Amino acid sequence: MAGKVFLNPDVFQAEVDAFKSAIEGVSGVQLDNISEVGNKTILESMDTMIATINFFSEMMEYYVSFSNEDAQHLVSLKTSWVTKDTQLGEEIGGD
């Protein structure tokens, strides 16, 4: 007997919305004030810290961008799944 896969579109959308909310939470990280530390100090360790923070900031931008793409793909997947499920239901005479 084949296993069944069930996708509740409302629950799935709630998960996607929660994912989008998490993305928005990390996308708001502001590191502007830290970069000003380099203007006030002349320490190699501060330069290293600022370079690390700048790298982190850049990686967060990539993360947010890729995560937003993932969220869009999830919504598209749900739409395709529900559409195909409806079509199959109609073909076999389901409601």
Protein backbone atom coordinates (compact mmCIF):
# COMPACT_ATOMS: atom_id res chain seq x y z
CA MET A 1 0.00 0.00 0.00
CA ALA A 2 1.35 3.40 -0.96
CA GLY A 3 1.82 6.05 1.68
CA LYS A 4 -0.22 9.21 1.63
CA VAL A 5 1.07 12.74 1.58
CA PHE A 6 -1.25 15.41 2.91
CA LEU A 7 -0.68 19.11 2.51
CA ASN A 8 -2.98 21.40 4.40
CA PRO A 9 -2.60 24.67 2.45
CA ASP A 10 -3.58 26.83 5.43
CA VAL A 11 -1.08 25.20 7.79
CA PHE A 12 1.59 25.28 5.10
CA GLN A 13 0.95 28.98 4.48
CA ALA A 14 1.19 29.65 8.21
CA GLU A 15 4.61 27.96 8.22
CA VAL A 16 5.71 30.04 5.22
CA ASP A 17 4.48 33.20 6.94
CA ALA A 18 6.41 32.28 10.09
CA PHE A 19 9.52 31.71 7.97
CA LYS A 20 9.08 35.11 6.30
CA SER A 21 8.68 36.72 9.72
CA ALA A 22 11.93 35.13 10.88
CA ILE A 23 13.67 36.45 7.76
CA GLU A 24 12.39 39.96 8.49
CA GLY A 25 13.70 39.63 12.04
CA VAL A 26 17.28 38.99 10.95
CA SER A 27 17.18 41.37 8.01
CA GLY A 28 16.80 44.33 10.37
CA VAL A 29 20.22 43.89 11.98
CA GLN A 30 22.02 47.23 11.91
CA LEU A 31 25.79 47.37 12.22
CA ASP A 32 26.36 50.99 11.25
CA ASN A 33 27.50 52.22 14.67
CA ILE A 34 30.16 49.55 15.02
CA SER A 35 31.93 50.64 11.85
CA GLU A 36 32.45 54.08 13.42
CA VAL A 37 34.72 52.48 16.03
CA GLY A 38 37.46 52.25 13.39
CA ASN A 39 37.43 56.01 12.99
CA LYS A 40 38.12 56.52 16.69
CA THR A 41 40.78 53.89 17.30
CA ILE A 42 43.97 52.72 15.65
CA LEU A 43 44.17 49.13 16.74
CA GLU A 44 44.74 46.18 14.44
CA SER A 45 42.29 44.14 16.49
CA MET A 46 39.58 46.74 15.86
CA ASP A 47 40.29 46.63 12.14
CA THR A 48 39.96 42.86 12.24
CA MET A 49 36.72 43.13 14.18
CA ILE A 50 35.29 45.65 11.71
CA ALA A 51 36.31 43.46 8.75
CA THR A 52 34.63 40.48 10.42
CA ILE A 53 31.48 42.46 11.13
CA ASN A 54 31.37 43.74 7.56
CA PHE A 55 31.75 40.17 6.29
CA PHE A 56 29.00 39.04 8.65
CA SER A 57 26.74 41.83 7.41
CA GLU A 58 27.35 40.83 3.80
CA MET A 59 26.59 37.19 4.58
CA MET A 60 23.37 38.20 6.33
CA GLU A 61 22.32 40.07 3.20
CA TYR A 62 22.91 36.90 1.17
CA TYR A 63 21.03 34.83 3.75
CA VAL A 64 18.03 37.16 3.66
CA SER A 65 18.05 37.24 -0.15
CA PHE A 66 18.23 33.45 -0.47
CA SER A 67 15.65 32.94 2.26
CA ASN A 68 13.23 35.30 0.53
CA GLU A 69 13.70 33.30 -2.67
CA ASP A 70 13.04 30.10 -0.71
CA ALA A 71 9.83 31.58 0.68
CA GLN A 72 8.68 32.50 -2.82
CA HIS A 73 9.44 28.98 -4.03
CA LEU A 74 7.49 27.51 -1.13
CA VAL A 75 4.43 29.58 -2.01
CA SER A 76 4.78 28.54 -5.66
CA LEU A 77 5.13 24.90 -4.62
CA LYS A 78 1.98 25.13 -2.50
CA THR A 79 0.04 26.71 -5.36
CA SER A 80 1.19 24.04 -7.82
CA TRP A 81 0.45 21.27 -5.34
CA VAL A 82 -3.06 22.51 -4.57
CA THR A 83 -3.80 23.07 -8.27
CA LYS A 84 -2.61 19.58 -9.21
CA ASP A 85 -4.49 18.04 -6.28
CA THR A 86 -7.67 19.79 -7.43
CA GLN A 87 -7.15 18.58 -11.00
CA LEU A 88 -6.56 15.00 -9.87
CA GLY A 89 -9.62 15.17 -7.62
CA GLU A 90 -11.76 16.30 -10.52
CA GLU A 91 -10.35 13.59 -12.81
CA ILE A 92 -11.23 10.80 -10.40
CA GLY A 93 -14.59 12.32 -9.55
CA GLY A 94 -13.76 13.62 -6.09
CA ASP A 95 -15.15 16.78 -4.52
